[in-house]
Every structure is written in C-alpha cells, then in structure tokens.
Amino acid sequence: MLVPAAVVTGGQQTDCTQFQMVLEKIRIPRQGPGRPRTKPDSLAAYKAYSNGPCRQYLRRRGIRHAIPEKSDSRAARLRKGSRGGRPSNCDEERYK
C-alpha cells in the first residue's frame, strides 16, 4: 500500500497537530487525464485523532472516517446526559 502523503517534523511535536497538513498534501492520481484527487473517500485513524478539531475538519471536507472515541471522552459525554451530544459514529468493520 502506498502512502498518499507524509509530513516530517521534529521529534517533540505531536502527530495530531499535523493532521490537517497531511490531509491537504494528499494527491491521488487519476486513471486517465485530469487533476489528481485531493480528498480520500474515507479515512481510518486511531483514537489520538478523535479530538474535536480533527473531526470538524473531516466533517467540513466531507471525508467519511472510522475513528474510535476515547474512553474518557465517552465518559465525559455520558456524564453530561442529554447535553453531552451524540456519540461518534465509528464503523468497527471499516476500522479493522
């Protein structure tokens, strides 16, 4: 499997801060003529990317994702009751 994009940073920088930059560098060549695609059909990522800014960015660009919710985020959401918002929609089969 080819890596569609990569960003190299210093060792002390967390990778979730580069999430948006990596997705903006994606260029998927088309079979025939035309510009390369810049948006993947879907994305699978681990729990570190389940924060609000990452999910909002994916929602804004219309990218479907399979990112599980962190257990502490889930507990905080459930503590808030009806004001806690809706649960994340992670497709477990696609995540595997």
PDB file of N, CA and C in Angstrom:
ATOM      1  N   MET A   1       0.844  -1.175   0.000  1.00  0.00           N
ATOM      2  CA  MET A   1       0.000   0.000   0.000  1.00  0.00           C
ATOM      3  C   MET A   1       0.887   1.234   0.000  1.00  0.00           C
ATOM      4  N   LEU A   2       0.620   2.147  -0.880  1.00  0.00           N
ATOM      5  CA  LEU A   2       1.385   3.381  -0.963  1.00  0.00           C
ATOM      6  C   LEU A   2       0.878   4.398   0.044  1.00  0.00           C
ATOM      7  N   VAL A   3       1.783   5.193   0.563  1.00  0.00           N
ATOM      8  CA  VAL A   3       1.413   6.271   1.481  1.00  0.00           C
ATOM      9  C   VAL A   3       1.045   7.486   0.640  1.00  0.00           C
ATOM     10  N   PRO A   4      -0.191   7.991   0.739  1.00  0.00           N
ATOM     11  CA  PRO A   4      -0.606   9.108  -0.115  1.00  0.00           C
ATOM     12  C   PRO A   4       0.021  10.441   0.259  1.00  0.00           C
ATOM     13  N   ALA A   5       0.469  10.611   1.509  1.00  0.00           N
ATOM     14  CA  ALA A   5       1.090  11.874   1.927  1.00  0.00           C
ATOM     15  C   ALA A   5       1.848  11.656   3.224  1.00  0.00           C
ATOM     16  N   ALA A   6       2.876  12.471   3.442  1.00  0.00           N
ATOM     17  CA  ALA A   6       3.653  12.400   4.672  1.00  0.00           C
ATOM     18  C   ALA A   6       4.200  13.779   5.002  1.00  0.00           C
ATOM     19  N   VAL A   7       4.348  14.044   6.291  1.00  0.00           N
ATOM     20  CA  VAL A   7       4.946  15.284   6.776  1.00  0.00           C
ATOM     21  C   VAL A   7       5.967  14.893   7.836  1.00  0.00           C
ATOM     22  N   VAL A   8       7.179  15.422   7.727  1.00  0.00           N
ATOM     23  CA  VAL A   8       8.231  15.134   8.690  1.00  0.00           C
ATOM     24  C   VAL A   8       8.402  16.350   9.596  1.00  0.00           C
ATOM     25  N   THR A   9       8.363  16.109  10.912  1.00  0.00           N
ATOM     26  CA  THR A   9       8.507  17.197  11.887  1.00  0.00           C
ATOM     27  C   THR A   9       9.594  16.837  12.886  1.00  0.00           C
ATOM     28  N   GLY A  10       9.879  17.747  13.779  1.00  0.00           N
ATOM     29  CA  GLY A  10      10.825  17.481  14.853  1.00  0.00           C
ATOM     30  C   GLY A  10      10.287  16.416  15.786  1.00  0.00           C
ATOM     31  N   GLY A  11      11.153  15.822  16.578  1.00  0.00           N
ATOM     32  CA  GLY A  11      10.752  14.714  17.434  1.00  0.00           C
ATOM     33  C   GLY A  11       9.808  15.076  18.557  1.00  0.00           C
ATOM     34  N   GLN A  12       9.744  16.337  18.949  1.00  0.00           N
ATOM     35  CA  GLN A  12       8.925  16.724  20.086  1.00  0.00           C
ATOM     36  C   GLN A  12       7.514  17.164  19.706  1.00  0.00           C
ATOM     37  N   GLN A  13       7.179  17.150  18.436  1.00  0.00           N
ATOM     38  CA  GLN A  13       5.864  17.624  18.001  1.00  0.00           C
ATOM     39  C   GLN A  13       4.896  16.444  17.884  1.00  0.00           C
ATOM     40  N   THR A  14       3.710  16.597  18.427  1.00  0.00           N
ATOM     41  CA  THR A  14       2.736  15.504  18.362  1.00  0.00           C
ATOM     42  C   THR A  14       2.175  15.384  16.954  1.00  0.00           C
ATOM     43  N   ASP A  15       1.863  14.160  16.571  1.00  0.00           N
ATOM     44  CA  ASP A  15       1.406  13.946  15.201  1.00  0.00           C
ATOM     45  C   ASP A  15      -0.002  14.463  14.942  1.00  0.00           C
ATOM     46  N   CYS A  16      -0.856  14.540  15.966  1.00  0.00           N
ATOM     47  CA  CYS A  16      -2.219  15.012  15.715  1.00  0.00           C
ATOM     48  C   CYS A  16      -2.257  16.501  15.372  1.00  0.00           C
ATOM     49  N   THR A  17      -1.185  17.251  15.685  1.00  0.00           N
ATOM     50  CA  THR A  17      -1.150  18.661  15.288  1.00  0.00           C
ATOM     51  C   THR A  17      -0.891  18.808  13.791  1.00  0.00           C
ATOM     52  N   GLN A  18      -0.411  17.756  13.150  1.00  0.00           N
ATOM     53  CA  GLN A  18      -0.109  17.788  11.714  1.00  0.00           C
ATOM     54  C   GLN A  18      -1.198  17.115  10.877  1.00  0.00           C
ATOM     55  N   PHE A  19      -2.280  16.738  11.505  1.00  0.00           N
ATOM     56  CA  PHE A  19      -3.364  16.006  10.849  1.00  0.00           C
ATOM     57  C   PHE A  19      -3.878  16.728   9.608  1.00  0.00           C
ATOM     58  N   GLN A  20      -4.208  17.984   9.761  1.00  0.00           N
ATOM     59  CA  GLN A  20      -4.767  18.763   8.659  1.00  0.00           C
ATOM     60  C   GLN A  20      -3.735  18.942   7.545  1.00  0.00           C
ATOM     61  N   MET A  21      -2.489  19.193   7.890  1.00  0.00           N
ATOM     62  CA  MET A  21      -1.450  19.401   6.895  1.00  0.00           C
ATOM     63  C   MET A  21      -1.234  18.147   6.041  1.00  0.00           C
ATOM     64  N   VAL A  22      -1.247  16.984   6.682  1.00  0.00           N
ATOM     65  CA  VAL A  22      -1.066  15.735   5.944  1.00  0.00           C
ATOM     66  C   VAL A  22      -2.217  15.523   4.965  1.00  0.00           C
ATOM     67  N   LEU A  23      -3.447  15.744   5.413  1.00  0.00           N
ATOM     68  CA  LEU A  23      -4.590  15.532   4.530  1.00  0.00           C
ATOM     69  C   LEU A  23      -4.609  16.523   3.372  1.00  0.00           C
ATOM     70  N   GLU A  24      -4.098  17.719   3.573  1.00  0.00           N
ATOM     71  CA  GLU A  24      -4.058  18.693   2.483  1.00  0.00           C
ATOM     72  C   GLU A  24      -2.988  18.367   1.449  1.00  0.00           C
ATOM     73  N   LYS A  25      -2.022  17.514   1.789  1.00  0.00           N
ATOM     74  CA  LYS A  25      -0.969  17.141   0.850  1.00  0.00           C
ATOM     75  C   LYS A  25      -1.334  15.924  -0.005  1.00  0.00           C
ATOM     76  N   ILE A  26      -2.454  15.304   0.265  1.00  0.00           N
ATOM     77  CA  ILE A  26      -2.839  14.105  -0.477  1.00  0.00           C
ATOM     78  C   ILE A  26      -3.096  14.445  -1.941  1.00  0.00           C
ATOM     79  N   ARG A  27      -2.476  13.664  -2.826  1.00  0.00           N
ATOM     80  CA  ARG A  27      -2.697  13.770  -4.265  1.00  0.00           C
ATOM     81  C   ARG A  27      -2.810  12.342  -4.795  1.00  0.00           C
ATOM     82  N   ILE A  28      -4.007  11.947  -5.181  1.00  0.00           N
ATOM     83  CA  ILE A  28      -4.247  10.597  -5.672  1.00  0.00           C
ATOM     84  C   ILE A  28      -4.406  10.679  -7.187  1.00  0.00           C
ATOM     85  N   PRO A  29      -3.466  10.096  -7.963  1.00  0.00           N
ATOM     86  CA  PRO A  29      -3.541  10.205  -9.421  1.00  0.00           C
ATOM     87  C   PRO A  29      -4.789   9.528  -9.977  1.00  0.00           C
ATOM     88  N   ARG A  30      -5.314  10.103 -11.020  1.00  0.00           N
ATOM     89  CA  ARG A  30      -6.475   9.521 -11.708  1.00  0.00           C
ATOM     90  C   ARG A  30      -5.999   8.524 -12.754  1.00  0.00           C
ATOM     91  N   GLN A  31      -6.885   7.645 -13.193  1.00  0.00           N
ATOM     92  CA  GLN A  31      -6.535   6.644 -14.194  1.00  0.00           C
ATOM     93  C   GLN A  31      -6.271   7.271 -15.563  1.00  0.00           C
ATOM     94  N   GLY A  32      -7.020   8.275 -15.909  1.00  0.00           N
ATOM     95  CA  GLY A  32      -6.856   8.934 -17.198  1.00  0.00           C
ATOM     96  C   GLY A  32      -6.341  10.344 -17.007  1.00  0.00           C
ATOM     97  N   PRO A  33      -6.670  11.218 -17.935  1.00  0.00           N
ATOM     98  CA  PRO A  33      -6.247  12.614 -17.795  1.00  0.00           C
ATOM     99  C   PRO A  33      -7.040  13.319 -16.696  1.00  0.00           C
ATOM    100  N   GLY A  34      -6.506  14.400 -16.212  1.00  0.00           N
ATOM    101  CA  GLY A  34      -7.200  15.179 -15.191  1.00  0.00           C
ATOM    102  C   GLY A  34      -6.332  15.414 -13.974  1.00  0.00           C
ATOM    103  N   ARG A  35      -6.789  16.343 -13.174  1.00  0.00           N
ATOM    104  CA  ARG A  35      -6.060  16.675 -11.950  1.00  0.00           C
ATOM    105  C   ARG A  35      -6.160  15.534 -10.949  1.00  0.00           C
ATOM    106  N   PRO A  36      -5.158  15.382 -10.096  1.00  0.00           N
ATOM    107  CA  PRO A  36      -5.243  14.334  -9.074  1.00  0.00           C
ATOM    108  C   PRO A  36      -6.314  14.662  -8.035  1.00  0.00           C
ATOM    109  N   ARG A  37      -6.870  13.618  -7.455  1.00  0.00           N
ATOM    110  CA  ARG A  37      -7.856  13.805  -6.390  1.00  0.00           C
ATOM    111  C   ARG A  37      -7.147  14.295  -5.144  1.00  0.00           C
ATOM    112  N   THR A  38      -7.794  15.177  -4.409  1.00  0.00           N
ATOM    113  CA  THR A  38      -7.194  15.713  -3.186  1.00  0.00           C
ATOM    114  C   THR A  38      -7.982  15.314  -1.945  1.00  0.00           C
ATOM    115  N   LYS A  39      -9.011  14.512  -2.116  1.00  0.00           N
ATOM    116  CA  LYS A  39      -9.843  14.100  -0.985  1.00  0.00           C
ATOM    117  C   LYS A  39     -10.035  12.591  -1.028  1.00  0.00           C
ATOM    118  N   PRO A  40      -9.639  11.881   0.027  1.00  0.00           N
ATOM    119  CA  PRO A  40      -9.876  10.438   0.048  1.00  0.00           C
ATOM    120  C   PRO A  40     -11.359  10.134   0.258  1.00  0.00           C
ATOM    121  N   ASP A  41     -11.779   8.939  -0.155  1.00  0.00           N
ATOM    122  CA  ASP A  41     -13.166   8.528   0.064  1.00  0.00           C
ATOM    123  C   ASP A  41     -13.451   8.361   1.552  1.00  0.00           C
ATOM    124  N   SER A  42     -12.504   7.768   2.267  1.00  0.00           N
ATOM    125  CA  SER A  42     -12.681   7.557   3.700  1.00  0.00           C
ATOM    126  C   SER A  42     -11.312   7.510   4.368  1.00  0.00           C
ATOM    127  N   LEU A  43     -11.333   7.558   5.700  1.00  0.00           N
ATOM    128  CA  LEU A  43     -10.099   7.608   6.473  1.00  0.00           C
ATOM    129  C   LEU A  43     -10.273   6.767   7.725  1.00  0.00           C
ATOM    130  N   ALA A  44      -9.271   5.973   8.055  1.00  0.00           N
ATOM    131  CA  ALA A  44      -9.259   5.230   9.316  1.00  0.00           C
ATOM    132  C   ALA A  44      -8.074   5.736  10.129  1.00  0.00           C
ATOM    133  N   ALA A  45      -8.309   6.069  11.382  1.00  0.00           N
ATOM    134  CA  ALA A  45      -7.249   6.580  12.254  1.00  0.00           C
ATOM    135  C   ALA A  45      -7.474   6.052  13.662  1.00  0.00           C
ATOM    136  N   TYR A  46      -6.436   6.086  14.473  1.00  0.00           N
ATOM    137  CA  TYR A  46      -6.582   5.597  15.842  1.00  0.00           C
ATOM    138  C   TYR A  46      -7.096   6.697  16.760  1.00  0.00           C
ATOM    139  N   LYS A  47      -7.307   6.342  18.024  1.00  0.00           N
ATOM    140  CA  LYS A  47      -8.025   7.205  18.972  1.00  0.00           C
ATOM    141  C   LYS A  47      -7.390   8.569  19.203  1.00  0.00           C
ATOM    142  N   ALA A  48      -6.108   8.723  18.932  1.00  0.00           N
ATOM    143  CA  ALA A  48      -5.456  10.017  19.158  1.00  0.00           C
ATOM    144  C   ALA A  48      -6.077  11.109  18.293  1.00  0.00           C
ATOM    145  N   TYR A  49      -6.699  10.715  17.196  1.00  0.00           N
ATOM    146  CA  TYR A  49      -7.296  11.681  16.272  1.00  0.00           C
ATOM    147  C   TYR A  49      -8.787  11.879  16.513  1.00  0.00           C
ATOM    148  N   SER A  50      -9.297  11.453  17.660  1.00  0.00           N
ATOM    149  CA  SER A  50     -10.728  11.570  17.920  1.00  0.00           C
ATOM    150  C   SER A  50     -11.097  12.913  18.536  1.00  0.00           C
ATOM    151  N   ASN A  51     -10.169  13.869  18.556  1.00  0.00           N
ATOM    152  CA  ASN A  51     -10.479  15.169  19.155  1.00  0.00           C
ATOM    153  C   ASN A  51     -11.379  16.000  18.239  1.00  0.00           C
ATOM    154  N   GLY A  52     -11.947  17.043  18.794  1.00  0.00           N
ATOM    155  CA  GLY A  52     -12.897  17.878  18.071  1.00  0.00           C
ATOM    156  C   GLY A  52     -12.368  18.502  16.799  1.00  0.00           C
ATOM    157  N   PRO A  53     -11.197  19.153  16.823  1.00  0.00           N
ATOM    158  CA  PRO A  53     -10.704  19.791  15.600  1.00  0.00           C
ATOM    159  C   PRO A  53     -10.496  18.817  14.440  1.00  0.00           C
ATOM    160  N   CYS A  54      -9.999  17.616  14.718  1.00  0.00           N
ATOM    161  CA  CYS A  54      -9.801  16.631  13.646  1.00  0.00           C
ATOM    162  C   CYS A  54     -11.141  16.208  13.052  1.00  0.00           C
ATOM    163  N   ARG A  55     -12.109  15.916  13.917  1.00  0.00           N
ATOM    164  CA  ARG A  55     -13.430  15.505  13.432  1.00  0.00           C
ATOM    165  C   ARG A  55     -14.133  16.632  12.679  1.00  0.00           C
ATOM    166  N   GLN A  56     -13.995  17.864  13.157  1.00  0.00           N
ATOM    167  CA  GLN A  56     -14.615  19.003  12.469  1.00  0.00           C
ATOM    168  C   GLN A  56     -14.007  19.201  11.089  1.00  0.00           C
ATOM    169  N   TYR A  57     -12.694  19.043  10.983  1.00  0.00           N
ATOM    170  CA  TYR A  57     -12.025  19.189   9.696  1.00  0.00           C
ATOM    171  C   TYR A  57     -12.539  18.141   8.711  1.00  0.00           C
ATOM    172  N   LEU A  58     -12.643  16.893   9.154  1.00  0.00           N
ATOM    173  CA  LEU A  58     -13.147  15.830   8.280  1.00  0.00           C
ATOM    174  C   LEU A  58     -14.594  16.092   7.875  1.00  0.00           C
ATOM    175  N   ARG A  59     -15.405  16.546   8.814  1.00  0.00           N
ATOM    176  CA  ARG A  59     -16.805  16.835   8.513  1.00  0.00           C
ATOM    177  C   ARG A  59     -16.917  17.961   7.491  1.00  0.00           C
ATOM    178  N   ARG A  60     -16.104  19.004   7.671  1.00  0.00           N
ATOM    179  CA  ARG A  60     -16.137  20.156   6.764  1.00  0.00           C
ATOM    180  C   ARG A  60     -15.732  19.759   5.339  1.00  0.00           C
ATOM    181  N   ARG A  61     -14.775  18.838   5.213  1.00  0.00           N
ATOM    182  CA  ARG A  61     -14.332  18.401   3.886  1.00  0.00           C
ATOM    183  C   ARG A  61     -15.157  17.246   3.332  1.00  0.00           C
ATOM    184  N   GLY A  62     -16.083  16.715   4.105  1.00  0.00           N
ATOM    185  CA  GLY A  62     -16.940  15.631   3.635  1.00  0.00           C
ATOM    186  C   GLY A  62     -16.222  14.300   3.526  1.00  0.00           C
ATOM    187  N   ILE A  63     -15.256  14.054   4.395  1.00  0.00           N
ATOM    188  CA  ILE A  63     -14.499  12.804   4.386  1.00  0.00           C
ATOM    189  C   ILE A  63     -15.079  11.872   5.444  1.00  0.00           C
ATOM    190  N   ARG A  64     -15.544  10.699   5.007  1.00  0.00           N
ATOM    191  CA  ARG A  64     -16.046   9.708   5.963  1.00  0.00           C
ATOM    192  C   ARG A  64     -14.867   9.149   6.740  1.00  0.00           C
ATOM    193  N   HIS A  65     -15.099   8.806   8.005  1.00  0.00           N
ATOM    194  CA  HIS A  65     -13.984   8.325   8.815  1.00  0.00           C
ATOM    195  C   HIS A  65     -14.404   7.204   9.741  1.00  0.00           C
ATOM    196  N   ALA A  66     -13.401   6.448  10.162  1.00  0.00           N
ATOM    197  CA  ALA A  66     -13.561   5.416  11.180  1.00  0.00           C
ATOM    198  C   ALA A  66     -12.525   5.718  12.257  1.00  0.00           C
ATOM    199  N   ILE A  67     -12.924   6.535  13.237  1.00  0.00           N
ATOM    200  CA  ILE A  67     -12.048   6.901  14.349  1.00  0.00           C
ATOM    201  C   ILE A  67     -12.790   6.570  15.637  1.00  0.00           C
ATOM    202  N   PRO A  68     -12.300   5.604  16.421  1.00  0.00           N
ATOM    203  CA  PRO A  68     -12.983   5.274  17.671  1.00  0.00           C
ATOM    204  C   PRO A  68     -12.900   6.417  18.671  1.00  0.00           C
ATOM    205  N   GLU A  69     -13.878   6.471  19.552  1.00  0.00           N
ATOM    206  CA  GLU A  69     -13.935   7.523  20.567  1.00  0.00           C
ATOM    207  C   GLU A  69     -13.097   7.109  21.775  1.00  0.00           C
ATOM    208  N   LYS A  70     -12.348   8.040  22.343  1.00  0.00           N
ATOM    209  CA  LYS A  70     -11.567   7.752  23.550  1.00  0.00           C
ATOM    210  C   LYS A  70     -12.522   7.453  24.702  1.00  0.00           C
ATOM    211  N   SER A  71     -12.094   6.580  25.600  1.00  0.00           N
ATOM    212  CA  SER A  71     -12.976   6.187  26.702  1.00  0.00           C
ATOM    213  C   SER A  71     -13.245   7.357  27.647  1.00  0.00           C
ATOM    214  N   ASP A  72     -12.257   8.229  27.880  1.00  0.00           N
ATOM    215  CA  ASP A  72     -12.508   9.365  28.769  1.00  0.00           C
ATOM    216  C   ASP A  72     -13.436  10.388  28.115  1.00  0.00           C
ATOM    217  N   SER A  73     -13.350  10.551  26.797  1.00  0.00           N
ATOM    218  CA  SER A  73     -14.270  11.451  26.093  1.00  0.00           C
ATOM    219  C   SER A  73     -15.693  10.907  26.148  1.00  0.00           C
ATOM    220  N   ARG A  74     -15.796   9.586  25.995  1.00  0.00           N
ATOM    221  CA  ARG A  74     -17.113   8.953  26.055  1.00  0.00           C
ATOM    222  C   ARG A  74     -17.717   9.117  27.447  1.00  0.00           C
ATOM    223  N   ALA A  75     -16.907   8.911  28.491  1.00  0.00           N
ATOM    224  CA  ALA A  75     -17.396   9.047  29.867  1.00  0.00           C
ATOM    225  C   ALA A  75     -17.839  10.484  30.145  1.00  0.00           C
ATOM    226  N   ALA A  76     -17.078  11.466  29.671  1.00  0.00           N
ATOM    227  CA  ALA A  76     -17.443  12.872  29.882  1.00  0.00           C
ATOM    228  C   ALA A  76     -18.742  13.198  29.157  1.00  0.00           C
ATOM    229  N   ARG A  77     -18.902  12.656  27.947  1.00  0.00           N
ATOM    230  CA  ARG A  77     -20.126  12.896  27.178  1.00  0.00           C
ATOM    231  C   ARG A  77     -21.328  12.283  27.884  1.00  0.00           C
ATOM    232  N   LEU A  78     -21.167  11.083  28.410  1.00  0.00           N
ATOM    233  CA  LEU A  78     -22.274  10.419  29.096  1.00  0.00           C
ATOM    234  C   LEU A  78     -22.623  11.114  30.410  1.00  0.00           C
ATOM    235  N   ARG A  79     -21.622  11.677  31.097  1.00  0.00           N
ATOM    236  CA  ARG A  79     -21.883  12.412  32.340  1.00  0.00           C
ATOM    237  C   ARG A  79     -22.763  13.628  32.099  1.00  0.00           C
ATOM    238  N   LYS A  80     -22.634  14.230  30.934  1.00  0.00           N
ATOM    239  CA  LYS A  80     -23.421  15.427  30.619  1.00  0.00           C
ATOM    240  C   LYS A  80     -24.866  15.093  30.283  1.00  0.00           C
ATOM    241  N   GLY A  81     -25.149  13.826  30.098  1.00  0.00           N
ATOM    242  CA  GLY A  81     -26.520  13.417  29.797  1.00  0.00           C
ATOM    243  C   GLY A  81     -26.954  13.876  28.417  1.00  0.00           C
ATOM    244  N   SER A  82     -28.164  14.424  28.326  1.00  0.00           N
ATOM    245  CA  SER A  82     -28.700  14.832  27.027  1.00  0.00           C
ATOM    246  C   SER A  82     -27.930  16.006  26.430  1.00  0.00           C
ATOM    247  N   ARG A  83     -27.177  16.728  27.255  1.00  0.00           N
ATOM    248  CA  ARG A  83     -26.386  17.858  26.751  1.00  0.00           C
ATOM    249  C   ARG A  83     -25.001  17.415  26.276  1.00  0.00           C
ATOM    250  N   GLY A  84     -24.719  16.131  26.360  1.00  0.00           N
ATOM    251  CA  GLY A  84     -23.401  15.614  26.012  1.00  0.00           C
ATOM    252  C   GLY A  84     -23.169  15.410  24.533  1.00  0.00           C
ATOM    253  N   GLY A  85     -24.182  15.597  23.737  1.00  0.00           N
ATOM    254  CA  GLY A  85     -24.014  15.410  22.298  1.00  0.00           C
ATOM    255  C   GLY A  85     -24.209  13.967  21.886  1.00  0.00           C
ATOM    256  N   ARG A  86     -24.131  13.761  20.610  1.00  0.00           N
ATOM    257  CA  ARG A  86     -24.352  12.413  20.091  1.00  0.00           C
ATOM    258  C   ARG A  86     -23.035  11.637  20.076  1.00  0.00           C
ATOM    259  N   PRO A  87     -23.113  10.324  20.156  1.00  0.00           N
ATOM    260  CA  PRO A  87     -21.892   9.522  20.127  1.00  0.00           C
ATOM    261  C   PRO A  87     -21.254   9.556  18.743  1.00  0.00           C
ATOM    262  N   SER A  88     -19.941   9.329  18.711  1.00  0.00           N
ATOM    263  CA  SER A  88     -19.264   9.290  17.419  1.00  0.00           C
ATOM    264  C   SER A  88     -19.721   8.044  16.674  1.00  0.00           C
ATOM    265  N   ASN A  89     -19.699   8.121  15.380  1.00  0.00           N
ATOM    266  CA  ASN A  89     -20.167   7.020  14.554  1.00  0.00           C
ATOM    267  C   ASN A  89     -18.958   6.326  13.948  1.00  0.00           C
ATOM    268  N   CYS A  90     -18.412   5.353  14.647  1.00  0.00           N
ATOM    269  CA  CYS A  90     -17.237   4.628  14.173  1.00  0.00           C
ATOM    270  C   CYS A  90     -17.666   3.267  13.640  1.00  0.00           C
ATOM    271  N   ASP A  91     -17.405   3.024  12.380  1.00  0.00           N
ATOM    272  CA  ASP A  91     -17.709   1.742  11.758  1.00  0.00           C
ATOM    273  C   ASP A  91     -16.580   0.771  12.115  1.00  0.00           C
ATOM    274  N   GLU A  92     -16.853  -0.146  13.025  1.00  0.00           N
ATOM    275  CA  GLU A  92     -15.826  -1.062  13.522  1.00  0.00           C
ATOM    276  C   GLU A  92     -15.262  -1.947  12.413  1.00  0.00           C
ATOM    277  N   GLU A  93     -16.083  -2.368  11.471  1.00  0.00           N
ATOM    278  CA  GLU A  93     -15.607  -3.213  10.375  1.00  0.00           C
ATOM    279  C   GLU A  93     -14.625  -2.461   9.487  1.00  0.00           C
ATOM    280  N   ARG A  94     -14.916  -1.222   9.198  1.00  0.00           N
ATOM    281  CA  ARG A  94     -14.028  -0.424   8.350  1.00  0.00           C
ATOM    282  C   ARG A  94     -12.754  -0.052   9.102  1.00  0.00           C
ATOM    283  N   TYR A  95     -12.834   0.047  10.426  1.00  0.00           N
ATOM    284  CA  TYR A  95     -11.674   0.404  11.236  1.00  0.00           C
ATOM    285  C   TYR A  95     -10.633  -0.708  11.256  1.00  0.00           C
ATOM    286  N   LYS A  96     -11.066  -1.968  11.165  1.00  0.00           N
ATOM    287  CA  LYS A  96     -10.140  -3.112  11.219  1.00  0.00           C
ATOM    288  C   LYS A  96      -9.217  -3.066  10.086  1.00  0.00           C
TER     289      LYS A  96
END
